[in-house]
PDB file of N, CA and C in Angstrom:
ATOM      1  N   UNK A   1       0.721  -1.093  -0.026  1.00  0.00           N
ATOM      2  CA  UNK A   1       0.042  -0.080   0.165  1.00  0.00           C
ATOM      3  C   UNK A   1       0.921   1.006   0.126  1.00  0.00           C
ATOM      4  N   UNK A   2       0.363   2.245  -0.739  1.00  0.00           N
ATOM      5  CA  UNK A   2       1.082   3.653  -0.727  1.00  0.00           C
ATOM      6  C   UNK A   2       0.263   4.570  -0.174  1.00  0.00           C
ATOM      7  N   UNK A   3       0.936   5.789   0.289  1.00  0.00           N
ATOM      8  CA  UNK A   3       0.151   6.850   0.882  1.00  0.00           C
ATOM      9  C   UNK A   3      -0.161   7.831  -0.275  1.00  0.00           C
ATOM     10  N   UNK A   4      -1.548   8.301  -0.238  1.00  0.00           N
ATOM     11  CA  UNK A   4      -1.782   9.381  -1.205  1.00  0.00           C
ATOM     12  C   UNK A   4      -2.661  10.251  -0.406  1.00  0.00           C
ATOM     13  N   UNK A   5      -2.342  11.779  -1.188  1.00  0.00           N
ATOM     14  CA  UNK A   5      -3.160  12.861  -0.730  1.00  0.00           C
ATOM     15  C   UNK A   5      -4.337  13.085  -1.512  1.00  0.00           C
ATOM     16  N   UNK A   6      -5.227  13.495  -1.071  1.00  0.00           N
ATOM     17  CA  UNK A   6      -6.675  13.541  -1.646  1.00  0.00           C
ATOM     18  C   UNK A   6      -7.351  14.747  -1.394  1.00  0.00           C
ATOM     19  N   UNK A   7      -7.715  15.632  -2.434  1.00  0.00           N
ATOM     20  CA  UNK A   7      -8.495  16.707  -2.220  1.00  0.00           C
ATOM     21  C   UNK A   7     -10.027  16.874  -3.101  1.00  0.00           C
ATOM     22  N   UNK A   8     -10.847  17.087  -2.456  1.00  0.00           N
ATOM     23  CA  UNK A   8     -12.071  17.210  -3.425  1.00  0.00           C
ATOM     24  C   UNK A   8     -12.872  18.551  -2.968  1.00  0.00           C
ATOM     25  N   UNK A   9     -13.478  19.087  -4.013  1.00  0.00           N
ATOM     26  CA  UNK A   9     -14.388  20.110  -3.641  1.00  0.00           C
ATOM     27  C   UNK A   9     -15.666  19.983  -3.884  1.00  0.00           C
ATOM     28  N   UNK A  10     -16.521  19.943  -3.041  1.00  0.00           N
ATOM     29  CA  UNK A  10     -18.133  19.965  -3.208  1.00  0.00           C
ATOM     30  C   UNK A  10     -18.726  21.042  -3.444  1.00  0.00           C
ATOM     31  N   UNK A  11     -20.040  20.991  -3.978  1.00  0.00           N
ATOM     32  CA  UNK A  11     -20.519  22.144  -4.266  1.00  0.00           C
ATOM     33  C   UNK A  11     -21.212  23.137  -3.237  1.00  0.00           C
ATOM     34  N   UNK A  12     -20.869  24.106  -3.225  1.00  0.00           N
ATOM     35  CA  UNK A  12     -21.422  25.183  -2.216  1.00  0.00           C
ATOM     36  C   UNK A  12     -22.802  24.947  -1.959  1.00  0.00           C
ATOM     37  N   UNK A  13     -23.643  24.583  -2.915  1.00  0.00           N
ATOM     38  CA  UNK A  13     -25.184  24.665  -2.514  1.00  0.00           C
ATOM     39  C   UNK A  13     -25.901  23.170  -1.937  1.00  0.00           C
ATOM     40  N   UNK A  14     -24.580  22.296  -1.622  1.00  0.00           N
ATOM     41  CA  UNK A  14     -25.103  20.907  -0.917  1.00  0.00           C
ATOM     42  C   UNK A  14     -25.097  21.240   0.546  1.00  0.00           C
ATOM     43  N   UNK A  15     -26.258  20.844   1.112  1.00  0.00           N
ATOM     44  CA  UNK A  15     -26.435  21.014   2.596  1.00  0.00           C
ATOM     45  C   UNK A  15     -25.412  20.296   3.444  1.00  0.00           C
ATOM     46  N   UNK A  16     -25.287  20.593   4.617  1.00  0.00           N
ATOM     47  CA  UNK A  16     -24.193  20.185   5.554  1.00  0.00           C
ATOM     48  C   UNK A  16     -24.523  18.516   5.678  1.00  0.00           C
ATOM     49  N   UNK A  17     -25.680  18.131   5.956  1.00  0.00           N
ATOM     50  CA  UNK A  17     -26.147  16.698   6.107  1.00  0.00           C
ATOM     51  C   UNK A  17     -25.576  15.963   4.940  1.00  0.00           C
ATOM     52  N   UNK A  18     -25.870  16.346   3.869  1.00  0.00           N
ATOM     53  CA  UNK A  18     -25.183  15.751   2.643  1.00  0.00           C
ATOM     54  C   UNK A  18     -23.905  15.680   2.577  1.00  0.00           C
ATOM     55  N   UNK A  19     -23.350  16.882   2.863  1.00  0.00           N
ATOM     56  CA  UNK A  19     -21.620  16.901   2.845  1.00  0.00           C
ATOM     57  C   UNK A  19     -21.333  15.643   3.835  1.00  0.00           C
ATOM     58  N   UNK A  20     -21.722  15.566   5.102  1.00  0.00           N
ATOM     59  CA  UNK A  20     -21.307  14.415   5.835  1.00  0.00           C
ATOM     60  C   UNK A  20     -21.532  13.215   5.233  1.00  0.00           C
ATOM     61  N   UNK A  21     -22.443  12.929   4.617  1.00  0.00           N
ATOM     62  CA  UNK A  21     -22.864  11.640   3.997  1.00  0.00           C
ATOM     63  C   UNK A  21     -21.771  11.542   2.736  1.00  0.00           C
ATOM     64  N   UNK A  22     -21.464  12.299   2.058  1.00  0.00           N
ATOM     65  CA  UNK A  22     -20.612  12.125   1.024  1.00  0.00           C
ATOM     66  C   UNK A  22     -19.389  11.910   1.377  1.00  0.00           C
ATOM     67  N   UNK A  23     -18.757  12.488   2.475  1.00  0.00           N
ATOM     68  CA  UNK A  23     -17.575  12.465   3.225  1.00  0.00           C
ATOM     69  C   UNK A  23     -17.543  11.058   3.676  1.00  0.00           C
ATOM     70  N   UNK A  24     -18.521  10.681   4.378  1.00  0.00           N
ATOM     71  CA  UNK A  24     -18.676   9.222   4.890  1.00  0.00           C
ATOM     72  C   UNK A  24     -18.525   8.141   3.702  1.00  0.00           C
ATOM     73  N   UNK A  25     -19.216   8.441   2.887  1.00  0.00           N
ATOM     74  CA  UNK A  25     -19.151   7.371   1.673  1.00  0.00           C
ATOM     75  C   UNK A  25     -17.818   7.179   0.979  1.00  0.00           C
ATOM     76  N   UNK A  26     -17.140   8.210   0.824  1.00  0.00           N
ATOM     77  CA  UNK A  26     -15.845   8.371   0.134  1.00  0.00           C
ATOM     78  C   UNK A  26     -14.712   7.605   1.295  1.00  0.00           C
ATOM     79  N   UNK A  27     -15.059   7.740   2.566  1.00  0.00           N
ATOM     80  CA  UNK A  27     -13.907   6.942   3.490  1.00  0.00           C
ATOM     81  C   UNK A  27     -14.190   5.503   3.448  1.00  0.00           C
ATOM     82  N   UNK A  28     -15.647   5.233   3.297  1.00  0.00           N
ATOM     83  CA  UNK A  28     -16.031   3.805   3.367  1.00  0.00           C
ATOM     84  C   UNK A  28     -15.389   3.126   2.151  1.00  0.00           C
ATOM     85  N   UNK A  29     -15.310   3.790   1.064  1.00  0.00           N
ATOM     86  CA  UNK A  29     -14.532   3.033  -0.127  1.00  0.00           C
ATOM     87  C   UNK A  29     -13.339   2.546   0.204  1.00  0.00           C
ATOM     88  N   UNK A  30     -12.692   3.277   1.047  1.00  0.00           N
ATOM     89  CA  UNK A  30     -11.169   2.879   1.253  1.00  0.00           C
ATOM     90  C   UNK A  30     -11.095   1.986   2.520  1.00  0.00           C
ATOM     91  N   UNK A  31     -11.860   1.933   3.076  1.00  0.00           N
ATOM     92  CA  UNK A  31     -12.163   0.826   4.309  1.00  0.00           C
ATOM     93  C   UNK A  31     -12.425  -0.547   3.810  1.00  0.00           C
ATOM     94  N   UNK A  32     -13.480  -0.402   2.800  1.00  0.00           N
ATOM     95  CA  UNK A  32     -13.844  -1.632   2.076  1.00  0.00           C
ATOM     96  C   UNK A  32     -12.725  -2.187   1.172  1.00  0.00           C
ATOM     97  N   UNK A  33     -11.863  -1.684   1.047  1.00  0.00           N
ATOM     98  CA  UNK A  33     -10.685  -2.139   0.050  1.00  0.00           C
ATOM     99  C   UNK A  33      -9.380  -2.460   0.935  1.00  0.00           C
ATOM    100  N   UNK A  34      -9.642  -2.533   2.270  1.00  0.00           N
ATOM    101  CA  UNK A  34      -8.591  -2.771   3.363  1.00  0.00           C
ATOM    102  C   UNK A  34      -7.570  -1.774   3.174  1.00  0.00           C
ATOM    103  N   UNK A  35      -7.912  -0.538   2.922  1.00  0.00           N
ATOM    104  CA  UNK A  35      -7.124   0.542   3.083  1.00  0.00           C
ATOM    105  C   UNK A  35      -7.217   1.230   4.379  1.00  0.00           C
ATOM    106  N   UNK A  36      -6.745   2.358   4.661  1.00  0.00           N
ATOM    107  CA  UNK A  36      -6.630   3.197   5.794  1.00  0.00           C
ATOM    108  C   UNK A  36      -6.721   4.509   5.666  1.00  0.00           C
ATOM    109  N   UNK A  37      -7.648   5.197   6.116  1.00  0.00           N
ATOM    110  CA  UNK A  37      -7.905   6.696   6.214  1.00  0.00           C
ATOM    111  C   UNK A  37      -6.712   7.157   7.441  1.00  0.00           C
ATOM    112  N   UNK A  38      -6.031   7.779   7.269  1.00  0.00           N
ATOM    113  CA  UNK A  38      -4.920   8.290   8.132  1.00  0.00           C
ATOM    114  C   UNK A  38      -5.406   9.726   8.883  1.00  0.00           C
ATOM    115  N   UNK A  39      -5.892  10.583   7.985  1.00  0.00           N
ATOM    116  CA  UNK A  39      -6.426  11.794   8.202  1.00  0.00           C
ATOM    117  C   UNK A  39      -7.069  12.538   7.457  1.00  0.00           C
ATOM    118  N   UNK A  40      -8.278  13.364   7.942  1.00  0.00           N
ATOM    119  CA  UNK A  40      -9.201  13.984   7.230  1.00  0.00           C
ATOM    120  C   UNK A  40      -9.318  15.353   7.722  1.00  0.00           C
ATOM    121  N   UNK A  41      -9.375  16.286   6.755  1.00  0.00           N
ATOM    122  CA  UNK A  41      -9.616  17.800   7.298  1.00  0.00           C
ATOM    123  C   UNK A  41     -10.567  18.311   6.330  1.00  0.00           C
ATOM    124  N   UNK A  42     -11.705  18.526   7.039  1.00  0.00           N
ATOM    125  CA  UNK A  42     -12.811  19.427   6.286  1.00  0.00           C
ATOM    126  C   UNK A  42     -12.460  20.682   6.227  1.00  0.00           C
ATOM    127  N   UNK A  43     -12.022  21.202   5.394  1.00  0.00           N
ATOM    128  CA  UNK A  43     -11.318  22.653   5.375  1.00  0.00           C
ATOM    129  C   UNK A  43     -12.618  23.845   5.253  1.00  0.00           C
ATOM    130  N   UNK A  44     -13.659  23.112   4.806  1.00  0.00           N
ATOM    131  CA  UNK A  44     -14.839  24.125   4.848  1.00  0.00           C
ATOM    132  C   UNK A  44     -15.070  24.857   3.577  1.00  0.00           C
ATOM    133  N   UNK A  45     -15.914  25.800   3.716  1.00  0.00           N
ATOM    134  CA  UNK A  45     -16.283  26.690   2.498  1.00  0.00           C
ATOM    135  C   UNK A  45     -15.210  27.674   2.131  1.00  0.00           C
ATOM    136  N   UNK A  46     -14.552  27.538   1.031  1.00  0.00           N
ATOM    137  CA  UNK A  46     -13.378  28.515   0.723  1.00  0.00           C
ATOM    138  C   UNK A  46     -13.796  29.173  -0.874  1.00  0.00           C
ATOM    139  N   UNK A  47     -13.350  30.327  -1.164  1.00  0.00           N
ATOM    140  CA  UNK A  47     -13.305  30.817  -2.252  1.00  0.00           C
ATOM    141  C   UNK A  47     -12.520  29.980  -3.251  1.00  0.00           C
ATOM    142  N   UNK A  48     -13.069  29.753  -4.618  1.00  0.00           N
ATOM    143  CA  UNK A  48     -12.188  29.170  -5.456  1.00  0.00           C
ATOM    144  C   UNK A  48     -11.293  30.089  -6.458  1.00  0.00           C
ATOM    145  N   UNK A  49     -10.364  29.666  -6.933  1.00  0.00           N
ATOM    146  CA  UNK A  49      -9.407  30.443  -7.605  1.00  0.00           C
ATOM    147  C   UNK A  49      -9.843  30.809  -8.738  1.00  0.00           C
ATOM    148  N   UNK A  50     -10.727  30.195  -9.417  1.00  0.00           N
ATOM    149  CA  UNK A  50     -11.800  30.607 -10.567  1.00  0.00           C
ATOM    150  C   UNK A  50     -13.089  30.037 -10.624  1.00  0.00           C
ATOM    151  N   UNK A  51     -13.806  30.544 -11.285  1.00  0.00           N
ATOM    152  CA  UNK A  51     -15.284  30.153 -11.399  1.00  0.00           C
ATOM    153  C   UNK A  51     -15.382  28.358 -12.002  1.00  0.00           C
ATOM    154  N   UNK A  52     -15.973  27.482 -11.316  1.00  0.00           N
ATOM    155  CA  UNK A  52     -16.236  26.421 -11.991  1.00  0.00           C
ATOM    156  C   UNK A  52     -17.681  26.112 -11.602  1.00  0.00           C
ATOM    157  N   UNK A  53     -18.125  25.712 -13.080  1.00  0.00           N
ATOM    158  CA  UNK A  53     -19.607  25.386 -13.019  1.00  0.00           C
ATOM    159  C   UNK A  53     -20.543  26.493 -12.396  1.00  0.00           C
ATOM    160  N   UNK A  54     -20.376  27.762 -12.664  1.00  0.00           N
ATOM    161  CA  UNK A  54     -21.119  28.946 -12.119  1.00  0.00           C
ATOM    162  C   UNK A  54     -20.890  28.928 -10.570  1.00  0.00           C
ATOM    163  N   UNK A  55     -19.863  28.241 -10.103  1.00  0.00           N
ATOM    164  CA  UNK A  55     -19.628  28.361  -8.362  1.00  0.00           C
ATOM    165  C   UNK A  55     -18.465  29.063  -8.308  1.00  0.00           C
ATOM    166  N   UNK A  56     -18.534  30.246  -7.468  1.00  0.00           N
ATOM    167  CA  UNK A  56     -17.315  30.813  -6.933  1.00  0.00           C
ATOM    168  C   UNK A  56     -16.620  30.295  -5.555  1.00  0.00           C
ATOM    169  N   UNK A  57     -17.455  29.396  -4.987  1.00  0.00           N
ATOM    170  CA  UNK A  57     -17.002  29.002  -3.744  1.00  0.00           C
ATOM    171  C   UNK A  57     -17.251  27.410  -3.716  1.00  0.00           C
ATOM    172  N   UNK A  58     -16.575  26.876  -2.794  1.00  0.00           N
ATOM    173  CA  UNK A  58     -16.566  25.094  -2.963  1.00  0.00           C
ATOM    174  C   UNK A  58     -16.221  24.906  -1.298  1.00  0.00           C
ATOM    175  N   UNK A  59     -17.107  23.737  -0.846  1.00  0.00           N
ATOM    176  CA  UNK A  59     -16.539  23.077   0.495  1.00  0.00           C
ATOM    177  C   UNK A  59     -15.447  21.961   0.002  1.00  0.00           C
ATOM    178  N   UNK A  60     -14.114  22.308   0.738  1.00  0.00           N
ATOM    179  CA  UNK A  60     -12.947  21.541   0.513  1.00  0.00           C
ATOM    180  C   UNK A  60     -12.801  20.520   1.504  1.00  0.00           C
ATOM    181  N   UNK A  61     -12.449  19.203   1.210  1.00  0.00           N
ATOM    182  CA  UNK A  61     -12.132  18.220   1.875  1.00  0.00           C
ATOM    183  C   UNK A  61     -10.765  17.626   1.425  1.00  0.00           C
ATOM    184  N   UNK A  62      -9.888  17.453   2.442  1.00  0.00           N
ATOM    185  CA  UNK A  62      -8.251  16.790   2.235  1.00  0.00           C
ATOM    186  C   UNK A  62      -8.318  15.436   3.035  1.00  0.00           C
ATOM    187  N   UNK A  63      -7.891  14.538   2.342  1.00  0.00           N
ATOM    188  CA  UNK A  63      -7.453  13.168   2.894  1.00  0.00           C
ATOM    189  C   UNK A  63      -5.926  12.962   2.829  1.00  0.00           C
ATOM    190  N   UNK A  64      -5.709  11.883   3.714  1.00  0.00           N
ATOM    191  CA  UNK A  64      -4.368  11.331   3.765  1.00  0.00           C
ATOM    192  C   UNK A  64      -4.739   9.799   3.824  1.00  0.00           C
ATOM    193  N   UNK A  65      -4.290   9.126   2.989  1.00  0.00           N
ATOM    194  CA  UNK A  65      -4.775   7.599   3.091  1.00  0.00           C
ATOM    195  C   UNK A  65      -3.604   6.704   2.643  1.00  0.00           C
ATOM    196  N   UNK A  66      -3.657   5.717   3.350  1.00  0.00           N
ATOM    197  CA  UNK A  66      -2.776   4.580   3.096  1.00  0.00           C
ATOM    198  C   UNK A  66      -3.785   3.399   2.159  1.00  0.00           C
ATOM    199  N   UNK A  67      -3.334   3.444   0.963  1.00  0.00           N
ATOM    200  CA  UNK A  67      -4.369   2.695   0.165  1.00  0.00           C
ATOM    201  C   UNK A  67      -3.832   1.865  -0.944  1.00  0.00           C
ATOM    202  N   UNK A  68      -4.443   0.800  -1.311  1.00  0.00           N
ATOM    203  CA  UNK A  68      -4.279   0.083  -2.525  1.00  0.00           C
ATOM    204  C   UNK A  68      -4.488   0.533  -3.706  1.00  0.00           C
ATOM    205  N   UNK A  69      -3.806   0.209  -5.097  1.00  0.00           N
ATOM    206  CA  UNK A  69      -4.267   0.705  -6.068  1.00  0.00           C
ATOM    207  C   UNK A  69      -5.934   0.482  -6.678  1.00  0.00           C
ATOM    208  N   UNK A  70      -6.469  -0.612  -6.190  1.00  0.00           N
ATOM    209  CA  UNK A  70      -7.776  -0.776  -6.400  1.00  0.00           C
ATOM    210  C   UNK A  70      -8.638  -0.050  -5.475  1.00  0.00           C
ATOM    211  N   UNK A  71      -8.104   0.534  -4.478  1.00  0.00           N
ATOM    212  CA  UNK A  71      -9.044   1.378  -3.583  1.00  0.00           C
ATOM    213  C   UNK A  71      -9.033   2.842  -4.235  1.00  0.00           C
ATOM    214  N   UNK A  72      -8.007   3.145  -4.768  1.00  0.00           N
ATOM    215  CA  UNK A  72      -7.802   4.554  -5.484  1.00  0.00           C
ATOM    216  C   UNK A  72      -8.584   4.639  -6.784  1.00  0.00           C
ATOM    217  N   UNK A  73      -8.433   3.431  -7.531  1.00  0.00           N
ATOM    218  CA  UNK A  73      -9.229   3.491  -8.795  1.00  0.00           C
ATOM    219  C   UNK A  73     -10.706   3.375  -8.563  1.00  0.00           C
ATOM    220  N   UNK A  74     -11.212   2.725  -7.447  1.00  0.00           N
ATOM    221  CA  UNK A  74     -12.480   2.828  -7.109  1.00  0.00           C
ATOM    222  C   UNK A  74     -13.025   4.014  -6.801  1.00  0.00           C
ATOM    223  N   UNK A  75     -12.143   4.904  -5.978  1.00  0.00           N
ATOM    224  CA  UNK A  75     -12.739   6.204  -5.569  1.00  0.00           C
ATOM    225  C   UNK A  75     -12.588   7.073  -6.740  1.00  0.00           C
ATOM    226  N   UNK A  76     -11.579   6.933  -7.761  1.00  0.00           N
ATOM    227  CA  UNK A  76     -11.708   7.703  -8.913  1.00  0.00           C
ATOM    228  C   UNK A  76     -12.999   7.694  -9.766  1.00  0.00           C
ATOM    229  N   UNK A  77     -13.332   6.283  -9.795  1.00  0.00           N
ATOM    230  CA  UNK A  77     -14.564   6.073 -10.322  1.00  0.00           C
ATOM    231  C   UNK A  77     -15.791   6.723  -9.840  1.00  0.00           C
ATOM    232  N   UNK A  78     -15.924   6.650  -8.353  1.00  0.00           N
ATOM    233  CA  UNK A  78     -16.969   7.000  -7.843  1.00  0.00           C
ATOM    234  C   UNK A  78     -17.102   8.443  -7.863  1.00  0.00           C
ATOM    235  N   UNK A  79     -16.064   8.957  -7.741  1.00  0.00           N
ATOM    236  CA  UNK A  79     -16.017  10.483  -7.260  1.00  0.00           C
ATOM    237  C   UNK A  79     -16.422  11.276  -8.849  1.00  0.00           C
ATOM    238  N   UNK A  80     -16.037  10.548  -9.830  1.00  0.00           N
ATOM    239  CA  UNK A  80     -16.185  11.318 -11.077  1.00  0.00           C
ATOM    240  C   UNK A  80     -17.875  11.099 -11.444  1.00  0.00           C
ATOM    241  N   UNK A  81     -18.424  10.061 -10.841  1.00  0.00           N
ATOM    242  CA  UNK A  81     -20.109   9.974 -11.060  1.00  0.00           C
ATOM    243  C   UNK A  81     -20.568  10.694  -9.985  1.00  0.00           C
ATOM    244  N   UNK A  82     -20.260  11.315  -9.117  1.00  0.00           N
ATOM    245  CA  UNK A  82     -20.719  11.993  -8.091  1.00  0.00           C
ATOM    246  C   UNK A  82     -21.034  13.474  -8.256  1.00  0.00           C
ATOM    247  N   UNK A  83     -22.328  13.663  -8.689  1.00  0.00           N
ATOM    248  CA  UNK A  83     -22.500  15.126  -9.196  1.00  0.00           C
ATOM    249  C   UNK A  83     -22.088  16.364  -8.207  1.00  0.00           C
ATOM    250  N   UNK A  84     -22.217  15.954  -7.003  1.00  0.00           N
ATOM    251  CA  UNK A  84     -21.919  17.072  -5.903  1.00  0.00           C
ATOM    252  C   UNK A  84     -20.506  17.598  -5.910  1.00  0.00           C
ATOM    253  N   UNK A  85     -19.609  16.618  -6.415  1.00  0.00           N
ATOM    254  CA  UNK A  85     -18.169  16.968  -6.458  1.00  0.00           C
ATOM    255  C   UNK A  85     -18.006  17.646  -7.809  1.00  0.00           C
ATOM    256  N   UNK A  86     -17.141  18.982  -7.510  1.00  0.00           N
ATOM    257  CA  UNK A  86     -17.075  19.632  -8.704  1.00  0.00           C
ATOM    258  C   UNK A  86     -15.321  19.689  -9.103  1.00  0.00           C
ATOM    259  N   UNK A  87     -14.640  19.245  -8.287  1.00  0.00           N
ATOM    260  CA  UNK A  87     -13.100  19.022  -8.589  1.00  0.00           C
ATOM    261  C   UNK A  87     -12.698  17.917  -7.771  1.00  0.00           C
ATOM    262  N   UNK A  88     -11.539  17.235  -8.332  1.00  0.00           N
ATOM    263  CA  UNK A  88     -10.812  16.269  -7.276  1.00  0.00           C
ATOM    264  C   UNK A  88      -9.399  16.008  -7.695  1.00  0.00           C
ATOM    265  N   UNK A  89      -8.512  15.750  -6.818  1.00  0.00           N
ATOM    266  CA  UNK A  89      -7.298  15.400  -7.159  1.00  0.00           C
ATOM    267  C   UNK A  89      -6.523  14.249  -6.204  1.00  0.00           C
ATOM    268  N   UNK A  90      -5.913  13.372  -6.860  1.00  0.00           N
ATOM    269  CA  UNK A  90      -5.283  12.544  -6.152  1.00  0.00           C
ATOM    270  C   UNK A  90      -3.695  12.271  -6.418  1.00  0.00           C
ATOM    271  N   UNK A  91      -3.065  12.617  -5.294  1.00  0.00           N
ATOM    272  CA  UNK A  91      -1.628  12.431  -5.692  1.00  0.00           C
ATOM    273  C   UNK A  91      -0.859  11.330  -4.626  1.00  0.00           C
ATOM    274  N   UNK A  92      -0.128  10.625  -5.314  1.00  0.00           N
ATOM    275  CA  UNK A  92       0.881   9.700  -4.728  1.00  0.00           C
ATOM    276  C   UNK A  92       1.833  10.586  -4.025  1.00  0.00           C
ATOM    277  N   UNK A  93       1.921  10.308  -2.444  1.00  0.00           N
ATOM    278  CA  UNK A  93       2.878  10.929  -1.650  1.00  0.00           C
ATOM    279  C   UNK A  93       4.421  10.786  -2.401  1.00  0.00           C
ATOM    280  N   UNK A  94       5.076  11.885  -2.436  1.00  0.00           N
ATOM    281  CA  UNK A  94       6.338  11.746  -2.847  1.00  0.00           C
ATOM    282  C   UNK A  94       6.665  12.204  -4.490  1.00  0.00           C
ATOM    283  N   UNK A  95       5.495  12.393  -4.992  1.00  0.00           N
ATOM    284  CA  UNK A  95       5.565  12.925  -6.319  1.00  0.00           C
ATOM    285  C   UNK A  95       5.354  14.435  -6.230  1.00  0.00           C
TER     286      UNK A  95
END
């Protein structure tokens, strides 16, 4: 398993209860693939550097995970089809 840093941005129009559900769902993906979420930081609503899908703000979430390649692939698949997420990035630690 390798360490990855992940950041994703949720639309600002999503309610706080739905945000918690999304964050928990993404964390469960890693757990189900015998991976480990080492740290989670919900950075909250922040100004975007540029407008994305007519939004000027977004709810930022940062993760540090120790994950298998399969877990990362499944996260990528799920986050791409989750309409509430407007941007995401996955970086292998050390790159």
